[in-house]
N, C-alpha and C. Protein backbone atom coordinates (compact mmCIF):
# COMPACT_ATOMS: atom_id res chain seq x y z
N UNK A 1 80.45 226.08 30.88
CA UNK A 1 79.16 226.16 30.20
C UNK A 1 79.22 225.27 28.96
N UNK A 2 78.26 224.42 28.80
CA UNK A 2 78.21 223.52 27.64
C UNK A 2 77.99 224.32 26.36
N UNK A 3 78.35 223.71 25.24
CA UNK A 3 78.22 224.38 23.94
C UNK A 3 76.79 224.85 23.70
N UNK A 4 75.80 224.01 24.02
CA UNK A 4 74.40 224.40 23.82
C UNK A 4 74.06 225.64 24.64
N UNK A 5 74.54 225.68 25.87
CA UNK A 5 74.27 226.84 26.71
C UNK A 5 74.91 228.10 26.13
N UNK A 6 76.14 227.99 25.69
CA UNK A 6 76.83 229.15 25.11
C UNK A 6 76.16 229.59 23.81
N UNK A 7 75.73 228.64 23.01
CA UNK A 7 75.02 229.00 21.78
C UNK A 7 73.72 229.73 22.10
N UNK A 8 73.03 229.29 23.13
CA UNK A 8 71.79 229.98 23.52
C UNK A 8 72.06 231.36 24.10
N UNK A 9 73.16 231.53 24.83
CA UNK A 9 73.53 232.87 25.30
C UNK A 9 73.84 233.77 24.11
N UNK A 10 74.57 233.23 23.14
CA UNK A 10 74.88 234.00 21.95
C UNK A 10 73.60 234.37 21.20
N UNK A 11 72.70 233.41 21.09
CA UNK A 11 71.40 233.65 20.45
C UNK A 11 70.64 234.76 21.18
N UNK A 12 70.62 234.68 22.50
CA UNK A 12 69.93 235.70 23.30
C UNK A 12 70.58 237.07 23.09
N UNK A 13 71.90 237.10 23.05
CA UNK A 13 72.60 238.36 22.81
C UNK A 13 72.23 238.95 21.46
N UNK A 14 72.16 238.11 20.44
CA UNK A 14 71.78 238.61 19.12
C UNK A 14 70.36 239.15 19.10
N UNK A 15 69.45 238.50 19.83
CA UNK A 15 68.06 238.97 19.89
C UNK A 15 68.00 240.34 20.56
N UNK A 16 68.65 240.47 21.70
CA UNK A 16 68.65 241.75 22.43
C UNK A 16 69.37 242.81 21.60
N UNK A 17 70.50 242.45 20.99
CA UNK A 17 71.25 243.41 20.19
C UNK A 17 70.44 243.89 18.99
N UNK A 18 69.69 242.99 18.38
CA UNK A 18 68.85 243.36 17.24
C UNK A 18 67.85 244.45 17.66
N UNK A 19 67.20 244.25 18.78
CA UNK A 19 66.23 245.24 19.27
C UNK A 19 66.94 246.53 19.64
N UNK A 20 68.08 246.42 20.31
CA UNK A 20 68.86 247.60 20.70
C UNK A 20 69.29 248.39 19.47
N UNK A 21 69.74 247.69 18.43
CA UNK A 21 70.15 248.37 17.21
C UNK A 21 68.97 249.09 16.56
N UNK A 22 67.78 248.51 16.62
CA UNK A 22 66.60 249.20 16.10
C UNK A 22 66.36 250.48 16.90
N UNK A 23 66.48 250.41 18.22
CA UNK A 23 66.32 251.58 19.08
C UNK A 23 67.30 252.67 18.67
N UNK A 24 68.55 252.32 18.49
CA UNK A 24 69.56 253.29 18.07
C UNK A 24 69.25 253.82 16.67
N UNK A 25 68.86 252.94 15.78
CA UNK A 25 68.51 253.29 14.40
C UNK A 25 67.42 254.35 14.36
N UNK A 26 66.38 254.14 15.16
CA UNK A 26 65.25 255.08 15.15
C UNK A 26 65.55 256.38 15.88
N UNK A 27 66.46 256.34 16.84
CA UNK A 27 66.60 257.48 17.75
C UNK A 27 67.93 258.20 17.71
N UNK A 28 68.84 257.81 16.81
CA UNK A 28 70.10 258.54 16.69
C UNK A 28 69.81 259.95 16.17
N UNK A 29 70.57 260.92 16.65
CA UNK A 29 70.37 262.31 16.25
C UNK A 29 71.72 262.94 15.91
N UNK A 30 71.66 264.10 15.36
CA UNK A 30 72.87 264.87 15.14
C UNK A 30 73.34 264.87 13.71
N UNK A 31 74.51 265.45 13.54
CA UNK A 31 75.08 265.69 12.22
C UNK A 31 75.25 264.41 11.41
N UNK A 32 75.55 263.30 12.06
CA UNK A 32 75.80 262.04 11.36
C UNK A 32 74.59 261.10 11.40
N UNK A 33 73.41 261.69 11.59
CA UNK A 33 72.18 260.89 11.67
C UNK A 33 72.06 259.93 10.49
N UNK A 34 72.12 260.45 9.27
CA UNK A 34 71.85 259.62 8.10
C UNK A 34 72.82 258.45 8.00
N UNK A 35 74.11 258.71 8.15
CA UNK A 35 75.08 257.62 8.03
C UNK A 35 74.93 256.61 9.16
N UNK A 36 74.67 257.04 10.38
CA UNK A 36 74.49 256.10 11.48
C UNK A 36 73.14 255.38 11.39
N UNK A 37 72.13 256.06 10.89
CA UNK A 37 70.83 255.44 10.67
C UNK A 37 70.99 254.28 9.68
N UNK A 38 71.70 254.51 8.60
CA UNK A 38 71.92 253.47 7.59
C UNK A 38 72.85 252.38 8.12
N UNK A 39 73.87 252.75 8.88
CA UNK A 39 74.81 251.77 9.42
C UNK A 39 74.12 250.83 10.41
N UNK A 40 73.30 251.38 11.29
CA UNK A 40 72.61 250.51 12.25
C UNK A 40 71.63 249.58 11.54
N UNK A 41 71.05 250.02 10.46
CA UNK A 41 70.16 249.13 9.68
C UNK A 41 70.96 247.95 9.12
N UNK A 42 72.12 248.23 8.58
CA UNK A 42 72.98 247.16 8.08
C UNK A 42 73.33 246.19 9.20
N UNK A 43 73.65 246.72 10.37
CA UNK A 43 74.01 245.87 11.50
C UNK A 43 72.86 245.01 11.98
N UNK A 44 71.65 245.58 12.10
CA UNK A 44 70.56 244.75 12.61
C UNK A 44 70.11 243.71 11.58
N UNK A 45 70.28 244.00 10.30
CA UNK A 45 69.99 242.98 9.30
C UNK A 45 70.98 241.83 9.42
N UNK A 46 72.25 242.14 9.61
CA UNK A 46 73.26 241.10 9.82
C UNK A 46 73.05 240.33 11.10
N UNK A 47 72.65 241.04 12.16
CA UNK A 47 72.39 240.39 13.45
C UNK A 47 71.25 239.39 13.32
N UNK A 48 70.23 239.74 12.54
CA UNK A 48 69.12 238.81 12.38
C UNK A 48 69.55 237.57 11.60
N UNK A 49 70.36 237.74 10.58
CA UNK A 49 70.85 236.58 9.83
C UNK A 49 71.67 235.66 10.73
N UNK A 50 72.53 236.24 11.56
CA UNK A 50 73.34 235.45 12.49
C UNK A 50 72.43 234.75 13.51
N UNK A 51 71.43 235.45 13.99
CA UNK A 51 70.45 234.93 14.94
C UNK A 51 69.80 233.66 14.37
N UNK A 52 69.36 233.74 13.14
CA UNK A 52 68.73 232.60 12.49
C UNK A 52 69.72 231.44 12.31
N UNK A 53 70.94 231.75 11.94
CA UNK A 53 71.96 230.72 11.75
C UNK A 53 72.28 229.98 13.05
N UNK A 54 72.37 230.72 14.14
CA UNK A 54 72.67 230.09 15.43
C UNK A 54 71.50 229.20 15.86
N UNK A 55 70.27 229.67 15.68
CA UNK A 55 69.10 228.85 16.03
C UNK A 55 69.07 227.58 15.18
N UNK A 56 69.42 227.70 13.91
CA UNK A 56 69.44 226.52 13.04
C UNK A 56 70.50 225.52 13.47
N UNK A 57 71.67 225.99 13.90
CA UNK A 57 72.70 225.08 14.40
C UNK A 57 72.18 224.32 15.62
N UNK A 58 71.49 225.01 16.50
CA UNK A 58 70.92 224.34 17.67
C UNK A 58 69.91 223.28 17.24
N UNK A 59 69.06 223.61 16.29
CA UNK A 59 68.05 222.65 15.82
C UNK A 59 68.71 221.45 15.15
N UNK A 60 69.78 221.66 14.39
CA UNK A 60 70.49 220.55 13.74
C UNK A 60 71.05 219.58 14.77
N UNK A 61 71.30 220.07 15.98
CA UNK A 61 71.84 219.24 17.05
C UNK A 61 70.73 218.61 17.90
N UNK A 62 69.49 218.84 17.49
CA UNK A 62 68.38 218.30 18.26
C UNK A 62 68.08 219.10 19.52
N UNK A 63 68.58 220.32 19.60
CA UNK A 63 68.37 221.19 20.76
C UNK A 63 67.27 222.20 20.47
N UNK A 64 66.68 222.70 21.53
CA UNK A 64 65.64 223.72 21.41
C UNK A 64 66.26 225.09 21.66
N UNK A 65 66.30 225.95 20.64
CA UNK A 65 66.84 227.29 20.88
C UNK A 65 65.89 228.11 21.74
N UNK A 66 66.44 229.02 22.52
CA UNK A 66 65.60 229.96 23.25
C UNK A 66 64.71 230.67 22.24
N UNK A 67 63.47 230.94 22.62
CA UNK A 67 62.53 231.49 21.64
C UNK A 67 61.58 232.54 22.19
N UNK A 68 61.82 233.02 23.40
CA UNK A 68 60.94 234.05 23.94
C UNK A 68 61.76 235.25 24.41
N UNK A 69 61.16 236.42 24.39
CA UNK A 69 61.86 237.61 24.86
C UNK A 69 62.24 237.45 26.32
N UNK A 70 61.38 236.83 27.11
CA UNK A 70 61.69 236.59 28.52
C UNK A 70 62.98 235.79 28.65
N UNK A 71 63.10 234.71 27.86
CA UNK A 71 64.31 233.90 27.90
C UNK A 71 65.53 234.66 27.38
N UNK A 72 65.35 235.42 26.32
CA UNK A 72 66.47 236.19 25.78
C UNK A 72 67.00 237.16 26.83
N UNK A 73 66.10 237.88 27.47
CA UNK A 73 66.53 238.86 28.47
C UNK A 73 67.17 238.18 29.68
N UNK A 74 66.70 237.00 30.02
CA UNK A 74 67.26 236.28 31.17
C UNK A 74 68.66 235.73 30.88
N UNK A 75 68.98 235.43 29.63
CA UNK A 75 70.25 234.80 29.29
C UNK A 75 71.27 235.74 28.65
N UNK A 76 70.82 236.86 28.13
CA UNK A 76 71.72 237.76 27.40
C UNK A 76 72.70 238.46 28.33
N UNK A 77 73.88 238.71 27.82
CA UNK A 77 74.84 239.54 28.53
C UNK A 77 74.86 240.95 27.94
N UNK A 78 74.31 241.12 26.75
CA UNK A 78 74.12 242.44 26.14
C UNK A 78 72.92 243.07 26.84
N UNK A 79 73.05 244.33 27.20
CA UNK A 79 71.98 245.01 27.93
C UNK A 79 71.12 245.86 27.00
N UNK A 80 69.83 245.87 27.30
CA UNK A 80 68.92 246.78 26.61
C UNK A 80 69.29 248.22 26.97
N UNK A 81 68.76 249.15 26.21
CA UNK A 81 68.91 250.56 26.52
C UNK A 81 67.55 251.21 26.32
N UNK A 82 67.20 252.09 27.24
CA UNK A 82 65.92 252.78 27.13
C UNK A 82 65.94 253.76 25.96
N UNK A 83 64.82 253.90 25.27
CA UNK A 83 64.78 254.82 24.13
C UNK A 83 64.93 256.27 24.58
N UNK A 84 65.68 257.02 23.80
CA UNK A 84 65.88 258.45 23.99
C UNK A 84 66.56 258.95 22.73
N UNK A 85 66.89 260.20 22.67
CA UNK A 85 67.69 260.72 21.56
C UNK A 85 69.14 260.36 21.84
N UNK A 86 69.77 259.61 20.93
CA UNK A 86 71.15 259.19 21.10
C UNK A 86 72.05 260.03 20.22
N UNK A 87 73.08 260.61 20.81
CA UNK A 87 74.09 261.34 20.04
C UNK A 87 74.92 260.35 19.24
N UNK A 88 75.51 260.81 18.17
CA UNK A 88 76.31 259.94 17.31
C UNK A 88 77.42 259.23 18.06
N UNK A 89 78.20 259.96 18.84
CA UNK A 89 79.32 259.37 19.58
C UNK A 89 78.81 258.29 20.54
N UNK A 90 77.76 258.58 21.25
CA UNK A 90 77.17 257.62 22.19
C UNK A 90 76.72 256.36 21.45
N UNK A 91 76.11 256.54 20.31
CA UNK A 91 75.64 255.41 19.49
C UNK A 91 76.80 254.53 19.08
N UNK A 92 77.85 255.13 18.57
CA UNK A 92 79.01 254.38 18.11
C UNK A 92 79.68 253.66 19.28
N UNK A 93 79.78 254.32 20.43
CA UNK A 93 80.42 253.69 21.59
C UNK A 93 79.62 252.49 22.09
N UNK A 94 78.28 252.58 22.08
CA UNK A 94 77.46 251.43 22.48
C UNK A 94 77.62 250.27 21.51
N UNK A 95 77.60 250.58 20.22
CA UNK A 95 77.77 249.55 19.21
C UNK A 95 79.13 248.87 19.38
N UNK A 96 80.16 249.65 19.59
CA UNK A 96 81.50 249.10 19.76
C UNK A 96 81.57 248.18 20.98
N UNK A 97 81.03 248.61 22.10
CA UNK A 97 81.07 247.80 23.32
C UNK A 97 80.34 246.47 23.11
N UNK A 98 79.19 246.52 22.47
CA UNK A 98 78.43 245.30 22.22
C UNK A 98 79.16 244.39 21.25
N UNK A 99 79.77 244.96 20.21
CA UNK A 99 80.52 244.14 19.26
C UNK A 99 81.70 243.46 19.93
N UNK A 100 82.39 244.16 20.80
CA UNK A 100 83.53 243.56 21.50
C UNK A 100 83.06 242.40 22.37
N UNK A 101 81.93 242.57 23.04
CA UNK A 101 81.39 241.48 23.88
C UNK A 101 80.96 240.30 23.02
N UNK A 102 80.27 240.57 21.92
CA UNK A 102 79.83 239.50 21.02
C UNK A 102 81.02 238.78 20.39
N UNK A 103 82.03 239.54 20.00
CA UNK A 103 83.22 238.93 19.40
C UNK A 103 83.95 238.04 20.42
N UNK A 104 84.03 238.49 21.67
CA UNK A 104 84.70 237.69 22.70
C UNK A 104 83.97 236.37 22.92
N UNK A 105 82.63 236.41 23.00
CA UNK A 105 81.87 235.18 23.18
C UNK A 105 81.96 234.31 21.93
N UNK A 106 81.91 234.91 20.76
CA UNK A 106 82.05 234.14 19.51
C UNK A 106 83.40 233.44 19.47
N UNK A 107 84.44 234.11 19.92
CA UNK A 107 85.78 233.52 19.93
C UNK A 107 85.84 232.35 20.91
N UNK A 108 85.23 232.52 22.05
CA UNK A 108 85.17 231.43 23.05
C UNK A 108 84.44 230.21 22.47
N UNK A 109 83.30 230.45 21.83
CA UNK A 109 82.53 229.35 21.23
C UNK A 109 83.33 228.71 20.10
N UNK A 110 83.95 229.52 19.26
CA UNK A 110 84.76 228.99 18.14
C UNK A 110 85.89 228.12 18.65
N UNK A 111 86.60 228.60 19.67
CA UNK A 111 87.74 227.84 20.20
C UNK A 111 87.30 226.53 20.82
N UNK A 112 86.19 226.56 21.54
CA UNK A 112 85.66 225.32 22.12
C UNK A 112 85.25 224.34 21.02
N UNK A 113 84.62 224.86 19.99
CA UNK A 113 84.20 224.02 18.86
C UNK A 113 85.41 223.41 18.16
N UNK A 114 86.45 224.20 17.97
CA UNK A 114 87.67 223.70 17.32
C UNK A 114 88.29 222.58 18.15
N UNK A 115 88.29 222.75 19.45
CA UNK A 115 88.83 221.73 20.33
C UNK A 115 88.04 220.44 20.33
N UNK A 116 86.78 220.53 19.94
CA UNK A 116 85.90 219.35 19.90
C UNK A 116 85.67 218.85 18.47
N UNK A 117 86.45 219.33 17.51
CA UNK A 117 86.27 218.97 16.10
C UNK A 117 84.83 219.21 15.63
N UNK A 118 84.23 220.27 16.11
CA UNK A 118 82.86 220.65 15.75
C UNK A 118 82.97 221.68 14.62
N UNK A 119 83.18 221.16 13.41
CA UNK A 119 83.52 222.02 12.29
C UNK A 119 82.40 222.97 11.87
N UNK A 120 81.15 222.55 12.01
CA UNK A 120 80.04 223.43 11.62
C UNK A 120 80.02 224.69 12.48
N UNK A 121 80.10 224.50 13.79
CA UNK A 121 80.08 225.65 14.70
C UNK A 121 81.36 226.46 14.53
N UNK A 122 82.48 225.79 14.40
CA UNK A 122 83.75 226.49 14.21
C UNK A 122 83.68 227.40 12.99
N UNK A 123 83.24 226.88 11.86
CA UNK A 123 83.18 227.67 10.63
C UNK A 123 82.20 228.83 10.76
N UNK A 124 81.03 228.56 11.33
CA UNK A 124 80.03 229.61 11.49
C UNK A 124 80.58 230.76 12.33
N UNK A 125 81.21 230.41 13.43
CA UNK A 125 81.69 231.44 14.34
C UNK A 125 82.96 232.13 13.84
N UNK A 126 83.74 231.46 13.02
CA UNK A 126 84.87 232.14 12.38
C UNK A 126 84.34 233.25 11.47
N UNK A 127 83.23 233.00 10.80
CA UNK A 127 82.61 234.04 9.99
C UNK A 127 82.14 235.21 10.83
N UNK A 128 81.52 234.91 11.98
CA UNK A 128 81.07 235.99 12.88
C UNK A 128 82.26 236.82 13.36
N UNK A 129 83.32 236.14 13.76
CA UNK A 129 84.51 236.83 14.28
C UNK A 129 85.11 237.73 13.20
N UNK A 130 85.23 237.21 11.99
CA UNK A 130 85.78 238.00 10.88
C UNK A 130 84.93 239.24 10.62
N UNK A 131 83.61 239.08 10.66
CA UNK A 131 82.73 240.23 10.42
C UNK A 131 82.85 241.26 11.54
N UNK A 132 82.95 240.81 12.79
CA UNK A 132 83.14 241.76 13.89
C UNK A 132 84.46 242.50 13.74
N UNK A 133 85.51 241.80 13.33
CA UNK A 133 86.81 242.46 13.14
C UNK A 133 86.68 243.57 12.10
N UNK A 134 85.98 243.30 11.02
CA UNK A 134 85.78 244.30 9.98
C UNK A 134 84.97 245.48 10.50
N UNK A 135 83.88 245.19 11.18
CA UNK A 135 83.02 246.26 11.69
C UNK A 135 83.74 247.09 12.76
N UNK A 136 84.54 246.46 13.59
CA UNK A 136 85.30 247.20 14.60
C UNK A 136 86.35 248.10 13.95
N UNK A 137 86.90 247.67 12.83
CA UNK A 137 87.79 248.54 12.06
C UNK A 137 87.03 249.78 11.58
N UNK A 138 85.81 249.57 11.06
CA UNK A 138 84.98 250.70 10.62
C UNK A 138 84.75 251.67 11.77
N UNK A 139 84.44 251.12 12.93
CA UNK A 139 84.16 251.97 14.10
C UNK A 139 85.41 252.75 14.51
N UNK A 140 86.56 252.09 14.53
CA UNK A 140 87.80 252.82 14.85
C UNK A 140 88.01 253.97 13.88
N UNK A 141 87.71 253.74 12.61
CA UNK A 141 87.85 254.81 11.62
C UNK A 141 86.87 255.94 11.89
N UNK A 142 85.65 255.61 12.34
CA UNK A 142 84.66 256.64 12.67
C UNK A 142 85.11 257.47 13.87
N UNK A 143 85.86 256.87 14.77
CA UNK A 143 86.28 257.55 15.98
C UNK A 143 87.57 258.34 15.82
N UNK A 144 88.19 258.25 14.66
CA UNK A 144 89.44 258.97 14.41
C UNK A 144 89.13 260.43 14.16
N UNK A 145 89.97 261.29 14.74
CA UNK A 145 89.79 262.73 14.50
C UNK A 145 90.07 263.03 13.05
N UNK A 146 89.25 263.88 12.47
CA UNK A 146 89.46 264.27 11.08
C UNK A 146 90.56 265.33 11.01
N UNK A 147 90.98 265.66 9.82
CA UNK A 147 92.06 266.63 9.63
C UNK A 147 91.72 268.00 10.17
N UNK A 148 90.44 268.32 10.24
CA UNK A 148 90.05 269.63 10.76
C UNK A 148 90.10 269.67 12.29
N UNK A 149 90.42 268.53 12.92
CA UNK A 149 90.48 268.48 14.37
C UNK A 149 89.16 268.13 15.01
N UNK A 150 88.15 267.89 14.16
CA UNK A 150 86.82 267.52 14.67
C UNK A 150 86.75 266.01 14.86
N UNK A 151 85.92 265.58 15.77
CA UNK A 151 85.65 264.14 15.86
C UNK A 151 84.79 263.78 14.65
N UNK A 152 84.99 262.60 14.11
CA UNK A 152 84.28 262.22 12.89
C UNK A 152 82.90 261.66 13.16
N UNK A 153 82.41 261.72 14.36
CA UNK A 153 81.04 261.26 14.64
C UNK A 153 80.36 262.11 15.67
């Protein structure tokens, strides 16, 4: 897959993930509602910033970024989820799975860019990878059993 194609897949994933995070944000329930509600808001704000940055990189290259929901859904590897009441554990597990997929694609794009001396894309995606590593650490901490023997989410 050419760099432009991979960038557009990444862009599509960010678009779908942004909407999915809003769905989780609005519909998470349970004891950890407030903390997960706030966490998903932080994530979708970051996803939108990354979304804009990837589209701008495509434009700087004279390429046309995908720009319709139809195209995003056709190219994304992140899957939508139907709205319902989401338990905290389910919410965290979905976020983790999507982050792992996004980080894997970001790493692939970064490595390809590094091999082609494409420093702008390399630097941008190194930032994405670092942020996913940090967020995945947060998620692992959320999934750790607390001292009382309870799950922390």
